[in-house]
Each structure stands twice: as structure tokens, then as C-alpha cells.
């Protein structure tokens, strides 16, 4: 069983924490026990900001020809990315091989760049 955690400054801990306890809920099927942090804070100002519109692709509205074109272009980009087989096939739960973590990070970065390139 794992217990989740909070990180906070010593000042906040000493001045605002009223209580901390683990919630042992029988309905929780996770192996984590959530931690409840009760704070006493005086909030004098809450900043309001306008919602920023971020355009997104409406895949449900895309035509089959557009989705197929996207798949084809993405496949072409992905075929040039080397899969880090050694890192992915590593069976060590506590692997500390820096080359494995670097290879996986590079792989994720390349996958992300390929997808973002097509969305721009």
C-alpha cells in the first residue's frame, strides 16, 4: 500500500496546516491511500482571467479523405523514427541505465514532434 503526499514549505506547514490524515476508504481499489490536507488560509483576492480560446481539430467533423491523409502523412513521419528496442525491452524494474532513459525520452520527443508537425 502506498500513501500519496503533499510538498509544502515549512512556513506554510507551520502557519496554515490544521490537519493531515490518510483517507482509508473501503471503496478505493487503488493501492494508494489519498492524503487529506486541511489548510486554514485567508484569501483576500482571487484573480479572474478570461478563458483563452485554443483552437482544436474536430476529428468527428473531419472527412474520411482528410483522416486518411493524416494517417498516411503521420505513418511516413513515424517510419523514420528509430524505436529504442533495448530500452523498451529492458525487464529491470529498477533500471538505472542512462542510455535507456535518454533513448526513451528522445523517442517520446520525436513522436510528439511528428504529431505536432502535422497539426500546425
N, C-alpha and C. Protein backbone atom coordinates (compact mmCIF):
# COMPACT_ATOMS: atom_id res chain seq x y z
N UNK A 1 0.84 -1.17 0.00
CA UNK A 1 0.00 0.00 0.00
C UNK A 1 0.89 1.24 0.00
N UNK A 2 0.56 2.19 -0.85
CA UNK A 2 1.31 3.44 -0.94
C UNK A 2 0.45 4.58 -0.42
N UNK A 3 1.08 5.54 0.18
CA UNK A 3 0.38 6.74 0.62
C UNK A 3 0.86 7.90 -0.23
N UNK A 4 -0.08 8.66 -0.77
CA UNK A 4 0.27 9.83 -1.56
C UNK A 4 0.81 10.90 -0.63
N UNK A 5 1.25 12.02 -1.21
CA UNK A 5 1.91 13.02 -0.38
C UNK A 5 1.68 14.44 -0.89
N UNK A 6 1.98 15.40 -0.06
CA UNK A 6 1.98 16.82 -0.40
C UNK A 6 3.37 17.36 -0.12
N UNK A 7 3.80 18.32 -0.93
CA UNK A 7 5.02 19.05 -0.67
C UNK A 7 4.63 20.49 -0.39
N UNK A 8 5.09 21.04 0.71
CA UNK A 8 4.81 22.43 1.00
C UNK A 8 5.94 23.01 1.83
N UNK A 9 6.01 24.32 1.84
CA UNK A 9 7.10 24.99 2.55
C UNK A 9 6.91 24.86 4.05
N UNK A 10 8.00 25.05 4.78
CA UNK A 10 7.94 24.98 6.24
C UNK A 10 7.04 26.08 6.80
N UNK A 11 7.10 27.26 6.19
CA UNK A 11 6.26 28.38 6.64
C UNK A 11 4.79 28.04 6.47
N UNK A 12 4.40 27.53 5.32
CA UNK A 12 3.01 27.15 5.10
C UNK A 12 2.60 26.04 6.07
N UNK A 13 3.48 25.06 6.26
CA UNK A 13 3.18 23.96 7.18
C UNK A 13 2.95 24.48 8.60
N UNK A 14 3.82 25.39 9.05
CA UNK A 14 3.74 25.89 10.42
C UNK A 14 2.59 26.86 10.64
N UNK A 15 2.14 27.54 9.59
CA UNK A 15 1.13 28.58 9.79
C UNK A 15 -0.27 28.21 9.31
N UNK A 16 -0.40 27.24 8.43
CA UNK A 16 -1.71 27.02 7.82
C UNK A 16 -2.25 25.60 7.94
N UNK A 17 -1.43 24.63 8.24
CA UNK A 17 -1.91 23.25 8.28
C UNK A 17 -2.70 23.01 9.55
N UNK A 18 -3.97 22.64 9.38
CA UNK A 18 -4.82 22.31 10.53
C UNK A 18 -4.89 20.81 10.76
N UNK A 19 -4.69 20.05 9.70
CA UNK A 19 -4.75 18.61 9.87
C UNK A 19 -4.28 17.87 8.64
N UNK A 20 -3.74 16.69 8.84
CA UNK A 20 -3.30 15.82 7.75
C UNK A 20 -3.67 14.40 8.15
N UNK A 21 -4.35 13.71 7.25
CA UNK A 21 -4.66 12.31 7.54
C UNK A 21 -4.86 11.55 6.24
N UNK A 22 -4.64 10.25 6.31
CA UNK A 22 -4.87 9.37 5.16
C UNK A 22 -6.33 8.94 5.17
N UNK A 23 -6.93 8.92 3.99
CA UNK A 23 -8.32 8.51 3.86
C UNK A 23 -8.34 7.02 3.53
N UNK A 24 -8.79 6.23 4.48
CA UNK A 24 -8.85 4.77 4.30
C UNK A 24 -10.28 4.42 3.90
N UNK A 25 -10.56 4.55 2.60
CA UNK A 25 -11.90 4.33 2.07
C UNK A 25 -12.00 2.91 1.53
N UNK A 26 -13.00 2.17 1.95
CA UNK A 26 -13.16 0.78 1.53
C UNK A 26 -13.46 0.69 0.03
N UNK A 27 -14.01 1.77 -0.56
CA UNK A 27 -14.33 1.77 -1.99
C UNK A 27 -13.11 2.05 -2.86
N UNK A 28 -12.00 2.43 -2.26
CA UNK A 28 -10.79 2.75 -3.01
C UNK A 28 -10.09 1.46 -3.40
N UNK A 29 -10.11 1.14 -4.70
CA UNK A 29 -9.48 -0.10 -5.17
C UNK A 29 -8.03 0.12 -5.58
N UNK A 30 -7.56 1.36 -5.48
CA UNK A 30 -6.18 1.67 -5.81
C UNK A 30 -5.26 1.19 -4.69
N UNK A 31 -3.98 1.07 -5.00
CA UNK A 31 -3.02 0.73 -3.95
C UNK A 31 -2.48 1.98 -3.27
N UNK A 32 -3.11 3.12 -3.53
CA UNK A 32 -2.74 4.40 -2.92
C UNK A 32 -3.81 4.83 -1.92
N UNK A 33 -3.38 5.40 -0.83
CA UNK A 33 -4.29 5.97 0.15
C UNK A 33 -4.19 7.48 -0.01
N UNK A 34 -5.28 8.16 -0.40
CA UNK A 34 -5.20 9.61 -0.57
C UNK A 34 -4.96 10.30 0.77
N UNK A 35 -4.19 11.37 0.71
CA UNK A 35 -3.89 12.16 1.90
C UNK A 35 -4.75 13.41 1.87
N UNK A 36 -5.42 13.68 2.97
CA UNK A 36 -6.25 14.88 3.10
C UNK A 36 -5.42 15.92 3.85
N UNK A 37 -5.32 17.11 3.28
CA UNK A 37 -4.59 18.21 3.88
C UNK A 37 -5.57 19.32 4.16
N UNK A 38 -5.80 19.61 5.44
CA UNK A 38 -6.71 20.68 5.82
C UNK A 38 -5.89 21.93 6.10
N UNK A 39 -6.20 23.01 5.34
CA UNK A 39 -5.47 24.27 5.48
C UNK A 39 -6.40 25.36 5.97
N UNK A 40 -5.84 26.28 6.72
CA UNK A 40 -6.56 27.47 7.14
C UNK A 40 -5.84 28.65 6.49
N UNK A 41 -6.45 29.19 5.44
CA UNK A 41 -5.83 30.29 4.69
C UNK A 41 -6.82 31.44 4.57
N UNK A 42 -6.31 32.64 4.70
CA UNK A 42 -7.11 33.83 4.47
C UNK A 42 -6.91 34.24 3.01
N UNK A 43 -7.96 34.16 2.22
CA UNK A 43 -7.88 34.55 0.81
C UNK A 43 -8.60 35.88 0.67
N UNK A 44 -7.83 36.91 0.31
CA UNK A 44 -8.41 38.25 0.20
C UNK A 44 -8.68 38.64 -1.25
N UNK A 45 -8.03 37.97 -2.17
CA UNK A 45 -8.16 38.36 -3.57
C UNK A 45 -8.07 37.12 -4.43
N UNK A 46 -9.02 36.96 -5.29
CA UNK A 46 -8.99 35.87 -6.25
C UNK A 46 -8.95 36.51 -7.63
N UNK A 47 -7.93 36.20 -8.37
CA UNK A 47 -7.77 36.79 -9.69
C UNK A 47 -8.66 36.07 -10.70
N UNK A 48 -9.31 36.84 -11.54
CA UNK A 48 -10.16 36.29 -12.59
C UNK A 48 -9.49 36.57 -13.93
N UNK A 49 -9.47 35.58 -14.77
CA UNK A 49 -8.92 35.80 -16.10
C UNK A 49 -9.89 35.23 -17.12
N UNK A 50 -9.91 35.85 -18.27
CA UNK A 50 -10.77 35.39 -19.35
C UNK A 50 -10.27 34.05 -19.86
N UNK A 51 -11.22 33.23 -20.30
CA UNK A 51 -10.85 31.93 -20.88
C UNK A 51 -10.15 32.18 -22.20
N UNK A 52 -9.03 31.53 -22.37
CA UNK A 52 -8.26 31.66 -23.60
C UNK A 52 -8.73 30.56 -24.56
N UNK A 53 -9.15 30.96 -25.74
CA UNK A 53 -9.62 30.00 -26.74
C UNK A 53 -8.41 29.35 -27.41
N UNK A 54 -8.39 28.06 -27.39
CA UNK A 54 -7.35 27.29 -28.06
C UNK A 54 -8.01 26.46 -29.14
N UNK A 55 -7.77 26.79 -30.40
CA UNK A 55 -8.42 26.02 -31.46
C UNK A 55 -7.94 24.56 -31.46
N UNK A 56 -8.86 23.66 -31.72
CA UNK A 56 -8.55 22.24 -31.76
C UNK A 56 -9.17 21.63 -33.01
N UNK A 57 -8.57 20.56 -33.43
CA UNK A 57 -9.10 19.85 -34.60
C UNK A 57 -10.32 19.05 -34.17
N UNK A 58 -11.40 19.20 -34.91
CA UNK A 58 -12.63 18.45 -34.63
C UNK A 58 -12.60 17.18 -35.48
N UNK A 59 -12.00 16.12 -34.93
CA UNK A 59 -11.86 14.89 -35.70
C UNK A 59 -13.20 14.30 -36.09
N UNK A 60 -14.22 14.50 -35.28
CA UNK A 60 -15.55 13.97 -35.59
C UNK A 60 -16.13 14.63 -36.84
N UNK A 61 -15.69 15.84 -37.14
CA UNK A 61 -16.19 16.55 -38.31
C UNK A 61 -15.31 16.34 -39.55
N UNK A 62 -14.16 15.72 -39.37
CA UNK A 62 -13.25 15.51 -40.49
C UNK A 62 -13.80 14.46 -41.45
N UNK A 63 -13.54 14.66 -42.69
CA UNK A 63 -13.97 13.71 -43.72
C UNK A 63 -12.99 12.54 -43.75
N UNK A 64 -13.46 11.40 -44.25
CA UNK A 64 -12.61 10.21 -44.34
C UNK A 64 -11.34 10.49 -45.12
N UNK A 65 -11.44 11.25 -46.19
CA UNK A 65 -10.27 11.55 -47.02
C UNK A 65 -9.23 12.34 -46.21
N UNK A 66 -9.70 13.24 -45.33
CA UNK A 66 -8.78 14.02 -44.51
C UNK A 66 -8.12 13.15 -43.44
N UNK A 67 -8.90 12.28 -42.82
CA UNK A 67 -8.34 11.38 -41.80
C UNK A 67 -7.33 10.42 -42.43
N UNK A 68 -7.63 9.92 -43.60
CA UNK A 68 -6.70 9.01 -44.29
C UNK A 68 -5.42 9.73 -44.69
N UNK A 69 -5.55 10.98 -45.13
CA UNK A 69 -4.37 11.76 -45.49
C UNK A 69 -3.50 11.99 -44.25
N UNK A 70 -4.15 12.29 -43.12
CA UNK A 70 -3.41 12.48 -41.86
C UNK A 70 -2.67 11.20 -41.48
N UNK A 71 -3.37 10.06 -41.53
CA UNK A 71 -2.76 8.77 -41.19
C UNK A 71 -1.55 8.49 -42.09
N UNK A 72 -1.71 8.76 -43.37
CA UNK A 72 -0.63 8.49 -44.32
C UNK A 72 0.59 9.37 -44.04
N UNK A 73 0.35 10.65 -43.82
CA UNK A 73 1.46 11.57 -43.53
C UNK A 73 2.13 11.20 -42.21
N UNK A 74 1.34 10.87 -41.20
CA UNK A 74 1.91 10.51 -39.91
C UNK A 74 2.72 9.21 -40.03
N UNK A 75 2.22 8.26 -40.77
CA UNK A 75 2.95 7.00 -40.98
C UNK A 75 4.30 7.24 -41.62
N UNK A 76 4.33 8.14 -42.60
CA UNK A 76 5.59 8.47 -43.27
C UNK A 76 6.58 9.08 -42.30
N UNK A 77 6.10 9.99 -41.44
CA UNK A 77 6.99 10.61 -40.46
C UNK A 77 7.46 9.59 -39.42
N UNK A 78 6.56 8.72 -38.98
CA UNK A 78 6.90 7.76 -37.93
C UNK A 78 7.87 6.69 -38.40
N UNK A 79 7.83 6.35 -39.68
CA UNK A 79 8.71 5.29 -40.17
C UNK A 79 10.19 5.70 -40.12
N UNK A 80 10.45 7.01 -39.99
CA UNK A 80 11.83 7.49 -39.91
C UNK A 80 12.34 7.59 -38.48
N UNK A 81 11.51 7.24 -37.52
CA UNK A 81 11.90 7.30 -36.11
C UNK A 81 12.32 5.91 -35.65
N UNK A 82 13.52 5.83 -35.09
CA UNK A 82 14.03 4.55 -34.60
C UNK A 82 13.41 4.22 -33.24
N UNK A 83 12.87 3.04 -33.13
CA UNK A 83 12.29 2.58 -31.87
C UNK A 83 13.44 2.09 -30.98
N UNK A 84 13.54 2.61 -29.74
CA UNK A 84 14.64 2.19 -28.85
C UNK A 84 14.35 0.83 -28.22
N UNK A 85 14.53 -0.21 -29.02
CA UNK A 85 14.16 -1.57 -28.63
C UNK A 85 14.83 -2.01 -27.34
N UNK A 86 16.13 -1.73 -27.18
CA UNK A 86 16.84 -2.16 -25.96
C UNK A 86 16.19 -1.56 -24.72
N UNK A 87 15.85 -0.28 -24.79
CA UNK A 87 15.25 0.39 -23.63
C UNK A 87 13.84 -0.12 -23.36
N UNK A 88 13.07 -0.29 -24.42
CA UNK A 88 11.68 -0.73 -24.26
C UNK A 88 11.60 -2.18 -23.78
N UNK A 89 12.53 -3.00 -24.22
CA UNK A 89 12.51 -4.42 -23.85
C UNK A 89 13.23 -4.69 -22.52
N UNK A 90 13.80 -3.66 -21.91
CA UNK A 90 14.50 -3.85 -20.64
C UNK A 90 13.51 -4.35 -19.59
N UNK A 91 13.86 -5.42 -18.92
CA UNK A 91 12.97 -6.03 -17.94
C UNK A 91 13.30 -5.64 -16.51
N UNK A 92 14.32 -4.82 -16.33
CA UNK A 92 14.72 -4.41 -14.99
C UNK A 92 13.76 -3.34 -14.45
N UNK A 93 13.08 -3.67 -13.37
CA UNK A 93 12.15 -2.73 -12.75
C UNK A 93 12.90 -1.52 -12.21
N UNK A 94 14.12 -1.73 -11.75
CA UNK A 94 14.91 -0.64 -11.19
C UNK A 94 16.06 -0.26 -12.13
N UNK A 95 15.78 -0.25 -13.42
CA UNK A 95 16.79 0.06 -14.43
C UNK A 95 17.38 1.45 -14.17
N UNK A 96 18.69 1.52 -14.14
CA UNK A 96 19.36 2.81 -13.94
C UNK A 96 20.29 3.12 -15.11
N UNK A 97 20.06 2.47 -16.22
CA UNK A 97 20.88 2.69 -17.41
C UNK A 97 20.49 4.02 -18.04
N UNK A 98 21.40 4.99 -17.97
CA UNK A 98 21.12 6.32 -18.52
C UNK A 98 20.81 6.28 -20.01
N UNK A 99 21.43 5.36 -20.73
CA UNK A 99 21.17 5.29 -22.17
C UNK A 99 19.72 4.89 -22.44
N UNK A 100 19.13 4.08 -21.56
CA UNK A 100 17.72 3.69 -21.72
C UNK A 100 16.80 4.89 -21.53
N UNK A 101 17.01 5.63 -20.45
CA UNK A 101 16.13 6.78 -20.21
C UNK A 101 16.32 7.84 -21.29
N UNK A 102 17.54 8.06 -21.73
CA UNK A 102 17.79 9.04 -22.81
C UNK A 102 17.11 8.59 -24.11
N UNK A 103 17.21 7.30 -24.41
CA UNK A 103 16.62 6.78 -25.65
C UNK A 103 15.10 6.91 -25.62
N UNK A 104 14.48 6.60 -24.48
CA UNK A 104 13.03 6.71 -24.37
C UNK A 104 12.60 8.16 -24.45
N UNK A 105 13.33 9.05 -23.78
CA UNK A 105 12.99 10.48 -23.84
C UNK A 105 13.10 11.02 -25.26
N UNK A 106 14.14 10.63 -25.97
CA UNK A 106 14.30 11.07 -27.36
C UNK A 106 13.17 10.53 -28.22
N UNK A 107 12.80 9.28 -28.00
CA UNK A 107 11.72 8.65 -28.75
C UNK A 107 10.40 9.40 -28.54
N UNK A 108 10.08 9.69 -27.30
CA UNK A 108 8.85 10.43 -26.99
C UNK A 108 8.89 11.82 -27.63
N UNK A 109 10.03 12.47 -27.57
CA UNK A 109 10.17 13.81 -28.17
C UNK A 109 9.95 13.74 -29.69
N UNK A 110 10.52 12.74 -30.34
CA UNK A 110 10.37 12.61 -31.79
C UNK A 110 8.92 12.28 -32.16
N UNK A 111 8.26 11.43 -31.39
CA UNK A 111 6.85 11.12 -31.66
C UNK A 111 6.00 12.38 -31.52
N UNK A 112 6.24 13.12 -30.46
CA UNK A 112 5.48 14.35 -30.21
C UNK A 112 5.70 15.36 -31.34
N UNK A 113 6.94 15.52 -31.75
CA UNK A 113 7.24 16.46 -32.84
C UNK A 113 6.55 16.05 -34.13
N UNK A 114 6.49 14.78 -34.41
CA UNK A 114 5.85 14.31 -35.64
C UNK A 114 4.35 14.65 -35.62
N UNK A 115 3.71 14.39 -34.50
CA UNK A 115 2.27 14.68 -34.40
C UNK A 115 2.02 16.19 -34.48
N UNK A 116 2.81 16.96 -33.75
CA UNK A 116 2.62 18.41 -33.73
C UNK A 116 2.91 19.04 -35.08
N UNK A 117 3.85 18.47 -35.80
CA UNK A 117 4.17 18.99 -37.14
C UNK A 117 2.96 18.93 -38.05
N UNK A 118 2.21 17.84 -37.96
CA UNK A 118 1.04 17.69 -38.81
C UNK A 118 -0.15 18.54 -38.34
N UNK A 119 -0.16 18.89 -37.06
CA UNK A 119 -1.27 19.68 -36.54
C UNK A 119 -1.07 21.17 -36.72
N UNK A 120 0.14 21.56 -37.08
CA UNK A 120 0.40 23.00 -37.22
C UNK A 120 0.04 23.52 -38.60
